[in-house]
Amino acid sequence: MRATSDAYWNTSLPKDHDALRELDAYCQEWGGLTRAEATRRLLIEWTLLRQGKGLSVWGPSFAASGSSE
């Protein structure tokens, strides 16, 4: 059941759109996020950047684990 205090919406892009490929790459880099969760994170990151706050706590999981590929 959806929370009534949350906002929900749908997005639409052609399946071969560059932005959708970039979103899918972002999802993979973050350990397999869904497109919805990736979009949520991007909105949060954008807000933090606009407020002049750092994103160090938002690093992808491979950065936090110290692996270097």
PDB file of N, CA and C in Angstrom:
ATOM      1  N   MET A   1       0.840  -1.174   0.000  1.00  0.00           N
ATOM      2  CA  MET A   1       0.000   0.000   0.000  1.00  0.00           C
ATOM      3  C   MET A   1       0.887   1.240   0.000  1.00  0.00           C
ATOM      4  N   ARG A   2       0.528   2.213  -0.805  1.00  0.00           N
ATOM      5  CA  ARG A   2       1.305   3.437  -0.914  1.00  0.00           C
ATOM      6  C   ARG A   2       1.011   4.398   0.226  1.00  0.00           C
ATOM      7  N   ALA A   3       2.057   5.069   0.661  1.00  0.00           N
ATOM      8  CA  ALA A   3       1.906   6.091   1.698  1.00  0.00           C
ATOM      9  C   ALA A   3       1.235   7.314   1.087  1.00  0.00           C
ATOM     10  N   THR A   4       0.239   7.842   1.749  1.00  0.00           N
ATOM     11  CA  THR A   4      -0.490   8.987   1.204  1.00  0.00           C
ATOM     12  C   THR A   4       0.334  10.266   1.243  1.00  0.00           C
ATOM     13  N   SER A   5       1.386  10.298   2.047  1.00  0.00           N
ATOM     14  CA  SER A   5       2.216  11.500   2.120  1.00  0.00           C
ATOM     15  C   SER A   5       3.333  11.505   1.065  1.00  0.00           C
ATOM     16  N   ASP A   6       3.461  10.436   0.281  1.00  0.00           N
ATOM     17  CA  ASP A   6       4.490  10.347  -0.744  1.00  0.00           C
ATOM     18  C   ASP A   6       3.931  10.732  -2.109  1.00  0.00           C
ATOM     19  N   ALA A   7       4.815  11.228  -2.983  1.00  0.00           N
ATOM     20  CA  ALA A   7       4.437  11.559  -4.360  1.00  0.00           C
ATOM     21  C   ALA A   7       4.883  10.419  -5.275  1.00  0.00           C
ATOM     22  N   TYR A   8       4.051  10.050  -6.205  1.00  0.00           N
ATOM     23  CA  TYR A   8       4.343   8.987  -7.164  1.00  0.00           C
ATOM     24  C   TYR A   8       4.077   9.509  -8.571  1.00  0.00           C
ATOM     25  N   TRP A   9       4.875   9.052  -9.528  1.00  0.00           N
ATOM     26  CA  TRP A   9       4.654   9.422 -10.920  1.00  0.00           C
ATOM     27  C   TRP A   9       5.299   8.371 -11.810  1.00  0.00           C
ATOM     28  N   ASN A  10       4.971   8.419 -13.075  1.00  0.00           N
ATOM     29  CA  ASN A  10       5.536   7.509 -14.070  1.00  0.00           C
ATOM     30  C   ASN A  10       6.392   8.314 -15.034  1.00  0.00           C
ATOM     31  N   THR A  11       7.356   7.651 -15.626  1.00  0.00           N
ATOM     32  CA  THR A  11       8.172   8.278 -16.661  1.00  0.00           C
ATOM     33  C   THR A  11       8.112   7.426 -17.911  1.00  0.00           C
ATOM     34  N   SER A  12       8.464   8.038 -19.016  1.00  0.00           N
ATOM     35  CA  SER A  12       8.442   7.309 -20.277  1.00  0.00           C
ATOM     36  C   SER A  12       9.572   7.802 -21.168  1.00  0.00           C
ATOM     37  N   LEU A  13      10.365   6.867 -21.660  1.00  0.00           N
ATOM     38  CA  LEU A  13      11.410   7.148 -22.633  1.00  0.00           C
ATOM     39  C   LEU A  13      11.392   6.036 -23.671  1.00  0.00           C
ATOM     40  N   PRO A  14      11.753   6.367 -24.916  1.00  0.00           N
ATOM     41  CA  PRO A  14      11.892   5.294 -25.909  1.00  0.00           C
ATOM     42  C   PRO A  14      12.947   4.290 -25.431  1.00  0.00           C
ATOM     43  N   LYS A  15      12.739   3.016 -25.728  1.00  0.00           N
ATOM     44  CA  LYS A  15      13.639   1.965 -25.244  1.00  0.00           C
ATOM     45  C   LYS A  15      15.083   2.162 -25.687  1.00  0.00           C
ATOM     46  N   ASP A  16      15.299   2.855 -26.805  1.00  0.00           N
ATOM     47  CA  ASP A  16      16.662   3.056 -27.303  1.00  0.00           C
ATOM     48  C   ASP A  16      17.218   4.447 -26.981  1.00  0.00           C
ATOM     49  N   HIS A  17      16.627   5.150 -26.027  1.00  0.00           N
ATOM     50  CA  HIS A  17      17.051   6.504 -25.673  1.00  0.00           C
ATOM     51  C   HIS A  17      18.368   6.473 -24.891  1.00  0.00           C
ATOM     52  N   ASP A  18      19.267   7.416 -25.208  1.00  0.00           N
ATOM     53  CA  ASP A  18      20.554   7.494 -24.513  1.00  0.00           C
ATOM     54  C   ASP A  18      20.381   7.649 -23.003  1.00  0.00           C
ATOM     55  N   ALA A  19      19.426   8.453 -22.580  1.00  0.00           N
ATOM     56  CA  ALA A  19      19.219   8.689 -21.149  1.00  0.00           C
ATOM     57  C   ALA A  19      18.829   7.399 -20.425  1.00  0.00           C
ATOM     58  N   LEU A  20      18.069   6.554 -21.080  1.00  0.00           N
ATOM     59  CA  LEU A  20      17.673   5.289 -20.465  1.00  0.00           C
ATOM     60  C   LEU A  20      18.877   4.357 -20.343  1.00  0.00           C
ATOM     61  N   ARG A  21      19.742   4.356 -21.346  1.00  0.00           N
ATOM     62  CA  ARG A  21      20.972   3.555 -21.254  1.00  0.00           C
ATOM     63  C   ARG A  21      21.851   4.056 -20.105  1.00  0.00           C
ATOM     64  N   GLU A  22      21.930   5.369 -19.951  1.00  0.00           N
ATOM     65  CA  GLU A  22      22.722   5.934 -18.855  1.00  0.00           C
ATOM     66  C   GLU A  22      22.120   5.573 -17.498  1.00  0.00           C
ATOM     67  N   LEU A  23      20.800   5.605 -17.420  1.00  0.00           N
ATOM     68  CA  LEU A  23      20.127   5.223 -16.173  1.00  0.00           C
ATOM     69  C   LEU A  23      20.421   3.761 -15.850  1.00  0.00           C
ATOM     70  N   ASP A  24      20.366   2.905 -16.854  1.00  0.00           N
ATOM     71  CA  ASP A  24      20.668   1.482 -16.639  1.00  0.00           C
ATOM     72  C   ASP A  24      22.119   1.285 -16.194  1.00  0.00           C
ATOM     73  N   ALA A  25      23.053   2.059 -16.763  1.00  0.00           N
ATOM     74  CA  ALA A  25      24.452   1.980 -16.342  1.00  0.00           C
ATOM     75  C   ALA A  25      24.593   2.419 -14.892  1.00  0.00           C
ATOM     76  N   TYR A  26      23.889   3.485 -14.516  1.00  0.00           N
ATOM     77  CA  TYR A  26      23.896   3.967 -13.140  1.00  0.00           C
ATOM     78  C   TYR A  26      23.376   2.872 -12.203  1.00  0.00           C
ATOM     79  N   CYS A  27      22.298   2.230 -12.603  1.00  0.00           N
ATOM     80  CA  CYS A  27      21.729   1.135 -11.794  1.00  0.00           C
ATOM     81  C   CYS A  27      22.760   0.037 -11.569  1.00  0.00           C
ATOM     82  N   GLN A  28      23.475  -0.349 -12.613  1.00  0.00           N
ATOM     83  CA  GLN A  28      24.485  -1.403 -12.499  1.00  0.00           C
ATOM     84  C   GLN A  28      25.622  -0.972 -11.593  1.00  0.00           C
ATOM     85  N   GLU A  29      26.099   0.267 -11.757  1.00  0.00           N
ATOM     86  CA  GLU A  29      27.209   0.760 -10.946  1.00  0.00           C
ATOM     87  C   GLU A  29      26.853   0.813  -9.461  1.00  0.00           C
ATOM     88  N   TRP A  30      25.597   0.954  -9.163  1.00  0.00           N
ATOM     89  CA  TRP A  30      25.140   1.013  -7.775  1.00  0.00           C
ATOM     90  C   TRP A  30      24.703  -0.356  -7.259  1.00  0.00           C
ATOM     91  N   GLY A  31      25.090  -1.398  -7.941  1.00  0.00           N
ATOM     92  CA  GLY A  31      24.846  -2.736  -7.429  1.00  0.00           C
ATOM     93  C   GLY A  31      23.523  -3.344  -7.840  1.00  0.00           C
ATOM     94  N   GLY A  32      22.938  -2.871  -8.927  1.00  0.00           N
ATOM     95  CA  GLY A  32      21.704  -3.469  -9.419  1.00  0.00           C
ATOM     96  C   GLY A  32      20.435  -2.799  -8.930  1.00  0.00           C
ATOM     97  N   LEU A  33      20.478  -1.481  -8.727  1.00  0.00           N
ATOM     98  CA  LEU A  33      19.259  -0.763  -8.338  1.00  0.00           C
ATOM     99  C   LEU A  33      18.184  -0.892  -9.408  1.00  0.00           C
ATOM    100  N   THR A  34      16.961  -0.739  -9.008  1.00  0.00           N
ATOM    101  CA  THR A  34      15.885  -0.631  -9.985  1.00  0.00           C
ATOM    102  C   THR A  34      15.929   0.772 -10.578  1.00  0.00           C
ATOM    103  N   ARG A  35      15.295   0.949 -11.707  1.00  0.00           N
ATOM    104  CA  ARG A  35      15.224   2.281 -12.308  1.00  0.00           C
ATOM    105  C   ARG A  35      14.513   3.261 -11.383  1.00  0.00           C
ATOM    106  N   ALA A  36      13.507   2.791 -10.684  1.00  0.00           N
ATOM    107  CA  ALA A  36      12.775   3.664  -9.765  1.00  0.00           C
ATOM    108  C   ALA A  36      13.679   4.122  -8.625  1.00  0.00           C
ATOM    109  N   GLU A  37      14.437   3.202  -8.035  1.00  0.00           N
ATOM    110  CA  GLU A  37      15.326   3.570  -6.938  1.00  0.00           C
ATOM    111  C   GLU A  37      16.455   4.466  -7.424  1.00  0.00           C
ATOM    112  N   ALA A  38      16.968   4.194  -8.615  1.00  0.00           N
ATOM    113  CA  ALA A  38      18.022   5.048  -9.171  1.00  0.00           C
ATOM    114  C   ALA A  38      17.504   6.465  -9.398  1.00  0.00           C
ATOM    115  N   THR A  39      16.301   6.588  -9.920  1.00  0.00           N
ATOM    116  CA  THR A  39      15.711   7.906 -10.133  1.00  0.00           C
ATOM    117  C   THR A  39      15.535   8.629  -8.805  1.00  0.00           C
ATOM    118  N   ARG A  40      15.098   7.920  -7.793  1.00  0.00           N
ATOM    119  CA  ARG A  40      14.949   8.492  -6.455  1.00  0.00           C
ATOM    120  C   ARG A  40      16.287   9.008  -5.944  1.00  0.00           C
ATOM    121  N   ARG A  41      17.337   8.191  -6.071  1.00  0.00           N
ATOM    122  CA  ARG A  41      18.669   8.599  -5.626  1.00  0.00           C
ATOM    123  C   ARG A  41      19.166   9.831  -6.377  1.00  0.00           C
ATOM    124  N   LEU A  42      18.943   9.849  -7.689  1.00  0.00           N
ATOM    125  CA  LEU A  42      19.378  10.992  -8.491  1.00  0.00           C
ATOM    126  C   LEU A  42      18.691  12.278  -8.039  1.00  0.00           C
ATOM    127  N   LEU A  43      17.427  12.196  -7.710  1.00  0.00           N
ATOM    128  CA  LEU A  43      16.715  13.374  -7.210  1.00  0.00           C
ATOM    129  C   LEU A  43      17.278  13.833  -5.868  1.00  0.00           C
ATOM    130  N   ILE A  44      17.583  12.885  -5.001  1.00  0.00           N
ATOM    131  CA  ILE A  44      18.162  13.222  -3.706  1.00  0.00           C
ATOM    132  C   ILE A  44      19.547  13.836  -3.896  1.00  0.00           C
ATOM    133  N   GLU A  45      20.366  13.239  -4.772  1.00  0.00           N
ATOM    134  CA  GLU A  45      21.704  13.763  -5.038  1.00  0.00           C
ATOM    135  C   GLU A  45      21.635  15.185  -5.598  1.00  0.00           C
ATOM    136  N   TRP A  46      20.733  15.406  -6.533  1.00  0.00           N
ATOM    137  CA  TRP A  46      20.562  16.727  -7.130  1.00  0.00           C
ATOM    138  C   TRP A  46      20.219  17.757  -6.049  1.00  0.00           C
ATOM    139  N   THR A  47      19.327  17.391  -5.161  1.00  0.00           N
ATOM    140  CA  THR A  47      18.940  18.287  -4.069  1.00  0.00           C
ATOM    141  C   THR A  47      20.139  18.606  -3.180  1.00  0.00           C
ATOM    142  N   LEU A  48      20.909  17.592  -2.802  1.00  0.00           N
ATOM    143  CA  LEU A  48      22.078  17.810  -1.959  1.00  0.00           C
ATOM    144  C   LEU A  48      23.096  18.718  -2.647  1.00  0.00           C
ATOM    145  N   LEU A  49      23.338  18.492  -3.921  1.00  0.00           N
ATOM    146  CA  LEU A  49      24.281  19.327  -4.659  1.00  0.00           C
ATOM    147  C   LEU A  49      23.805  20.769  -4.736  1.00  0.00           C
ATOM    148  N   ARG A  50      22.533  20.972  -4.992  1.00  0.00           N
ATOM    149  CA  ARG A  50      21.984  22.335  -5.070  1.00  0.00           C
ATOM    150  C   ARG A  50      22.073  23.048  -3.727  1.00  0.00           C
ATOM    151  N   GLN A  51      22.061  22.286  -2.656  1.00  0.00           N
ATOM    152  CA  GLN A  51      22.163  22.863  -1.314  1.00  0.00           C
ATOM    153  C   GLN A  51      23.615  23.018  -0.871  1.00  0.00           C
ATOM    154  N   GLY A  52      24.544  22.650  -1.746  1.00  0.00           N
ATOM    155  CA  GLY A  52      25.959  22.774  -1.428  1.00  0.00           C
ATOM    156  C   GLY A  52      26.485  21.705  -0.497  1.00  0.00           C
ATOM    157  N   LYS A  53      25.776  20.607  -0.387  1.00  0.00           N
ATOM    158  CA  LYS A  53      26.191  19.512   0.494  1.00  0.00           C
ATOM    159  C   LYS A  53      26.953  18.464  -0.314  1.00  0.00           C
ATOM    160  N   GLY A  54      27.875  17.801   0.338  1.00  0.00           N
ATOM    161  CA  GLY A  54      28.661  16.764  -0.318  1.00  0.00           C
ATOM    162  C   GLY A  54      27.883  15.476  -0.497  1.00  0.00           C
ATOM    163  N   LEU A  55      28.414  14.613  -1.344  1.00  0.00           N
ATOM    164  CA  LEU A  55      27.763  13.331  -1.610  1.00  0.00           C
ATOM    165  C   LEU A  55      28.611  12.156  -1.144  1.00  0.00           C
ATOM    166  N   SER A  56      29.566  12.380  -0.264  1.00  0.00           N
ATOM    167  CA  SER A  56      30.486  11.318   0.117  1.00  0.00           C
ATOM    168  C   SER A  56      29.773  10.081   0.664  1.00  0.00           C
ATOM    169  N   VAL A  57      28.675  10.262   1.365  1.00  0.00           N
ATOM    170  CA  VAL A  57      27.962   9.105   1.910  1.00  0.00           C
ATOM    171  C   VAL A  57      27.160   8.372   0.840  1.00  0.00           C
ATOM    172  N   TRP A  58      27.057   8.946  -0.356  1.00  0.00           N
ATOM    173  CA  TRP A  58      26.262   8.352  -1.428  1.00  0.00           C
ATOM    174  C   TRP A  58      27.099   7.591  -2.443  1.00  0.00           C
ATOM    175  N   GLY A  59      28.373   7.325  -2.132  1.00  0.00           N
ATOM    176  CA  GLY A  59      29.230   6.640  -3.095  1.00  0.00           C
ATOM    177  C   GLY A  59      28.742   5.246  -3.416  1.00  0.00           C
ATOM    178  N   PRO A  60      28.960   4.807  -4.653  1.00  0.00           N
ATOM    179  CA  PRO A  60      28.558   3.438  -5.022  1.00  0.00           C
ATOM    180  C   PRO A  60      29.219   2.407  -4.123  1.00  0.00           C
ATOM    181  N   SER A  61      28.615   1.246  -4.044  1.00  0.00           N
ATOM    182  CA  SER A  61      29.077   0.209  -3.126  1.00  0.00           C
ATOM    183  C   SER A  61      30.506  -0.234  -3.428  1.00  0.00           C
ATOM    184  N   PHE A  62      30.907  -0.250  -4.690  1.00  0.00           N
ATOM    185  CA  PHE A  62      32.278  -0.679  -4.989  1.00  0.00           C
ATOM    186  C   PHE A  62      33.297   0.326  -4.464  1.00  0.00           C
ATOM    187  N   ALA A  63      32.949   1.614  -4.375  1.00  0.00           N
ATOM    188  CA  ALA A  63      33.855   2.610  -3.818  1.00  0.00           C
ATOM    189  C   ALA A  63      34.003   2.408  -2.309  1.00  0.00           C
ATOM    190  N   ALA A  64      32.916   2.097  -1.655  1.00  0.00           N
ATOM    191  CA  ALA A  64      32.924   1.913  -0.209  1.00  0.00           C
ATOM    192  C   ALA A  64      33.705   0.650   0.176  1.00  0.00           C
ATOM    193  N   SER A  65      33.668  -0.355  -0.679  1.00  0.00           N
ATOM    194  CA  SER A  65      34.339  -1.603  -0.343  1.00  0.00           C
ATOM    195  C   SER A  65      35.844  -1.535  -0.591  1.00  0.00           C
ATOM    196  N   GLY A  66      36.307  -0.470  -1.300  1.00  0.00           N
ATOM    197  CA  GLY A  66      37.728  -0.306  -1.529  1.00  0.00           C
ATOM    198  C   GLY A  66      38.249  -1.101  -2.712  1.00  0.00           C
ATOM    199  N   SER A  67      37.388  -1.753  -3.477  1.00  0.00           N
ATOM    200  CA  SER A  67      37.864  -2.501  -4.637  1.00  0.00           C
ATOM    201  C   SER A  67      38.241  -1.516  -5.729  1.00  0.00           C
ATOM    202  N   SER A  68      39.237  -1.866  -6.512  1.00  0.00           N
ATOM    203  CA  SER A  68      39.641  -0.989  -7.620  1.00  0.00           C
ATOM    204  C   SER A  68      39.619  -1.796  -8.904  1.00  0.00           C
ATOM    205  N   GLU A  69      38.645  -1.502  -9.732  1.00  0.00           N
ATOM    206  CA  GLU A  69      38.505  -2.221 -10.990  1.00  0.00           C
ATOM    207  C   GLU A  69      38.908  -1.338 -12.126  1.00  0.00           C
TER     208      GLU A  69
END
